Amino acid sequence: MSHDTPSLPAALRLLSNNVLLREDDAETMAGALHIPKDSQQKPTIGTVLSCGPGLHLETAADSNIAQPRTWHRPMTISVGDRVVYSRYAGVDITIDEQEYKVLTEPEILLILPPQEPSP
């Protein structure tokens, strides 16, 4: 996948708790986490490019509440986060000849700490 800063189409809008990300290099060093290139069943690291508004929730229709309430559960993932996810998670998509992955927030295993700049 390309590692240039992508220019996403302005009309792109993620729904619910979906996350758009770009996969990072196969061999990545992130603080104390090192995932070797030849590791079997290795998780994948990516950078979050866009997030949906969060999971849409509403009160149960059979509850004793006169007016059902709806809301979005806020996302814990933010644009720019580097995350670890299963290599089989999500859906691969291509936009303007750039490859991306769309996954739901629960498919993300962890958020990595920010990388320190190389000397």
C-alpha atoms as a PDB file:
ATOM      1  CA  MET A   1       0.000   0.000   0.000  1.00  0.00           C
ATOM      2  CA  SER A   2       1.089   3.534  -0.646  1.00  0.00           C
ATOM      3  CA  HIS A   3       2.398   5.467   2.324  1.00  0.00           C
ATOM      4  CA  ASP A   4       1.938   8.952   0.892  1.00  0.00           C
ATOM      5  CA  THR A   5      -0.597  11.107   2.650  1.00  0.00           C
ATOM      6  CA  PRO A   6      -3.770  10.179   0.826  1.00  0.00           C
ATOM      7  CA  SER A   7      -6.274  12.713  -0.369  1.00  0.00           C
ATOM      8  CA  LEU A   8      -9.612  11.149   0.410  1.00  0.00           C
ATOM      9  CA  PRO A   9     -12.655  12.109  -1.646  1.00  0.00           C
ATOM     10  CA  ALA A  10     -14.528  14.941   0.074  1.00  0.00           C
ATOM     11  CA  ALA A  11     -17.811  13.042  -0.268  1.00  0.00           C
ATOM     12  CA  LEU A  12     -16.455  10.056   1.688  1.00  0.00           C
ATOM     13  CA  ARG A  13     -18.432   9.655   4.899  1.00  0.00           C
ATOM     14  CA  LEU A  14     -18.132   6.629   7.167  1.00  0.00           C
ATOM     15  CA  LEU A  15     -21.207   5.388   8.966  1.00  0.00           C
ATOM     16  CA  SER A  16     -21.688   4.014  12.471  1.00  0.00           C
ATOM     17  CA  ASN A  17     -18.537   2.711  14.175  1.00  0.00           C
ATOM     18  CA  ASN A  18     -16.582   2.108  10.959  1.00  0.00           C
ATOM     19  CA  VAL A  19     -12.931   3.114  10.612  1.00  0.00           C
ATOM     20  CA  LEU A  20     -10.957   3.750   7.398  1.00  0.00           C
ATOM     21  CA  LEU A  21      -7.244   3.068   7.652  1.00  0.00           C
ATOM     22  CA  ARG A  22      -4.092   2.591   5.617  1.00  0.00           C
ATOM     23  CA  GLU A  23      -1.914  -0.423   6.360  1.00  0.00           C
ATOM     24  CA  ASP A  24       1.614   0.394   7.560  1.00  0.00           C
ATOM     25  CA  ASP A  25       4.823  -1.486   6.693  1.00  0.00           C
ATOM     26  CA  ALA A  26       4.820  -5.249   7.268  1.00  0.00           C
ATOM     27  CA  GLU A  27       7.744  -4.950   9.679  1.00  0.00           C
ATOM     28  CA  THR A  28       7.048  -2.265  12.235  1.00  0.00           C
ATOM     29  CA  MET A  29       8.699  -1.175  15.421  1.00  0.00           C
ATOM     30  CA  ALA A  30       6.363   0.689  17.756  1.00  0.00           C
ATOM     31  CA  GLY A  31       7.832   1.303  21.173  1.00  0.00           C
ATOM     32  CA  ALA A  32       8.216  -2.109  22.824  1.00  0.00           C
ATOM     33  CA  LEU A  33       6.027  -3.857  20.217  1.00  0.00           C
ATOM     34  CA  HIS A  34       7.979  -5.494  17.401  1.00  0.00           C
ATOM     35  CA  ILE A  35       6.155  -7.552  14.780  1.00  0.00           C
ATOM     36  CA  PRO A  36       8.628  -9.382  12.531  1.00  0.00           C
ATOM     37  CA  LYS A  37       7.899  -9.637   8.818  1.00  0.00           C
ATOM     38  CA  ASP A  38       8.007 -13.457   8.825  1.00  0.00           C
ATOM     39  CA  SER A  39       5.759 -13.937  11.878  1.00  0.00           C
ATOM     40  CA  GLN A  40       2.922 -16.405  11.292  1.00  0.00           C
ATOM     41  CA  GLN A  41      -0.630 -15.157  11.869  1.00  0.00           C
ATOM     42  CA  LYS A  42       0.751 -11.731  12.643  1.00  0.00           C
ATOM     43  CA  PRO A  43      -1.596  -8.874  13.396  1.00  0.00           C
ATOM     44  CA  THR A  44      -1.420  -5.865  11.107  1.00  0.00           C
ATOM     45  CA  ILE A  45      -0.647  -2.247  11.976  1.00  0.00           C
ATOM     46  CA  GLY A  46      -2.395   0.635  10.268  1.00  0.00           C
ATOM     47  CA  THR A  47      -2.981   4.376  10.560  1.00  0.00           C
ATOM     48  CA  VAL A  48      -6.543   5.643  11.019  1.00  0.00           C
ATOM     49  CA  LEU A  49      -7.541   8.086   8.270  1.00  0.00           C
ATOM     50  CA  SER A  50     -11.231   8.581   9.036  1.00  0.00           C
ATOM     51  CA  CYS A  51     -13.837   7.499  11.605  1.00  0.00           C
ATOM     52  CA  GLY A  52     -17.612   7.280  11.609  1.00  0.00           C
ATOM     53  CA  PRO A  53     -19.682   9.124  14.244  1.00  0.00           C
ATOM     54  CA  GLY A  54     -19.953   6.093  16.532  1.00  0.00           C
ATOM     55  CA  LEU A  55     -22.355   3.224  17.092  1.00  0.00           C
ATOM     56  CA  HIS A  56     -26.012   4.236  16.733  1.00  0.00           C
ATOM     57  CA  LEU A  57     -27.987   3.161  19.807  1.00  0.00           C
ATOM     58  CA  GLU A  58     -31.578   3.569  20.896  1.00  0.00           C
ATOM     59  CA  THR A  59     -33.719   2.605  23.851  1.00  0.00           C
ATOM     60  CA  ALA A  60     -35.739  -0.572  23.488  1.00  0.00           C
ATOM     61  CA  ALA A  61     -39.165  -0.150  21.930  1.00  0.00           C
ATOM     62  CA  ASP A  62     -40.769  -2.204  24.705  1.00  0.00           C
ATOM     63  CA  SER A  63     -39.300  -0.124  27.531  1.00  0.00           C
ATOM     64  CA  ASN A  64     -41.499   2.066  29.706  1.00  0.00           C
ATOM     65  CA  ILE A  65     -40.020   5.213  28.177  1.00  0.00           C
ATOM     66  CA  ALA A  66     -42.682   7.299  26.418  1.00  0.00           C
ATOM     67  CA  GLN A  67     -40.253   8.725  23.859  1.00  0.00           C
ATOM     68  CA  PRO A  68     -37.521   6.337  22.638  1.00  0.00           C
ATOM     69  CA  ARG A  69     -34.097   7.940  22.808  1.00  0.00           C
ATOM     70  CA  THR A  70     -31.350   7.570  20.204  1.00  0.00           C
ATOM     71  CA  TRP A  71     -27.687   8.541  20.410  1.00  0.00           C
ATOM     72  CA  HIS A  72     -24.207   7.666  19.128  1.00  0.00           C
ATOM     73  CA  ARG A  73     -21.664   5.990  21.380  1.00  0.00           C
ATOM     74  CA  PRO A  74     -18.510   8.094  20.796  1.00  0.00           C
ATOM     75  CA  MET A  75     -15.559   6.467  19.060  1.00  0.00           C
ATOM     76  CA  THR A  76     -12.462   5.708  21.141  1.00  0.00           C
ATOM     77  CA  ILE A  77     -10.349   5.686  17.955  1.00  0.00           C
ATOM     78  CA  SER A  78      -9.178   9.006  16.484  1.00  0.00           C
ATOM     79  CA  VAL A  79      -7.808  10.055  13.113  1.00  0.00           C
ATOM     80  CA  GLY A  80      -4.025   9.601  13.151  1.00  0.00           C
ATOM     81  CA  ASP A  81      -4.031   6.725  15.675  1.00  0.00           C
ATOM     82  CA  ARG A  82      -1.807   3.764  14.823  1.00  0.00           C
ATOM     83  CA  VAL A  83      -3.717   0.585  15.583  1.00  0.00           C
ATOM     84  CA  VAL A  84      -3.236  -3.185  15.586  1.00  0.00           C
ATOM     85  CA  TYR A  85      -5.914  -5.421  14.027  1.00  0.00           C
ATOM     86  CA  SER A  86      -6.213  -8.975  12.748  1.00  0.00           C
ATOM     87  CA  ARG A  87      -5.012  -9.349   9.168  1.00  0.00           C
ATOM     88  CA  TYR A  88      -8.372 -10.962   8.324  1.00  0.00           C
ATOM     89  CA  ALA A  89     -10.496  -8.167   9.818  1.00  0.00           C
ATOM     90  CA  GLY A  90     -12.456  -5.671   7.787  1.00  0.00           C
ATOM     91  CA  VAL A  91     -12.881  -5.168   4.075  1.00  0.00           C
ATOM     92  CA  ASP A  92     -10.209  -4.116   1.582  1.00  0.00           C
ATOM     93  CA  ILE A  93     -11.291  -1.276  -0.717  1.00  0.00           C
ATOM     94  CA  THR A  94      -9.667   0.822  -3.430  1.00  0.00           C
ATOM     95  CA  ILE A  95     -10.411   4.539  -3.801  1.00  0.00           C
ATOM     96  CA  ASP A  96      -8.725   6.499  -6.592  1.00  0.00           C
ATOM     97  CA  GLU A  97      -6.179   3.673  -7.038  1.00  0.00           C
ATOM     98  CA  GLN A  98      -5.211   3.783  -3.333  1.00  0.00           C
ATOM     99  CA  GLU A  99      -5.764   0.706  -1.155  1.00  0.00           C
ATOM    100  CA  TYR A 100      -7.510   1.069   2.206  1.00  0.00           C
ATOM    101  CA  LYS A 101      -9.163  -1.116   4.811  1.00  0.00           C
ATOM    102  CA  VAL A 102     -12.554  -0.478   6.435  1.00  0.00           C
ATOM    103  CA  LEU A 103     -13.169  -2.147   9.791  1.00  0.00           C
ATOM    104  CA  THR A 104     -15.489  -1.694  12.717  1.00  0.00           C
ATOM    105  CA  GLU A 105     -14.083  -0.316  15.939  1.00  0.00           C
ATOM    106  CA  PRO A 106     -14.429  -3.676  17.793  1.00  0.00           C
ATOM    107  CA  GLU A 107     -12.121  -5.302  15.186  1.00  0.00           C
ATOM    108  CA  ILE A 108      -9.270  -3.065  16.386  1.00  0.00           C
ATOM    109  CA  LEU A 109      -7.203  -4.871  19.008  1.00  0.00           C
ATOM    110  CA  LEU A 110      -5.202  -1.968  20.460  1.00  0.00           C
ATOM    111  CA  ILE A 111      -3.995   1.586  19.921  1.00  0.00           C
ATOM    112  CA  LEU A 112      -0.208   2.011  19.764  1.00  0.00           C
ATOM    113  CA  PRO A 113       1.596   4.869  21.508  1.00  0.00           C
ATOM    114  CA  PRO A 114       2.834   7.649  19.201  1.00  0.00           C
ATOM    115  CA  GLN A 115       6.151   6.894  17.489  1.00  0.00           C
ATOM    116  CA  GLU A 116       9.157   8.919  18.499  1.00  0.00           C
ATOM    117  CA  PRO A 117      10.855  10.645  15.552  1.00  0.00           C
ATOM    118  CA  SER A 118      13.961   8.927  14.178  1.00  0.00           C
ATOM    119  CA  PRO A 119      17.267  10.706  14.933  1.00  0.00           C
END
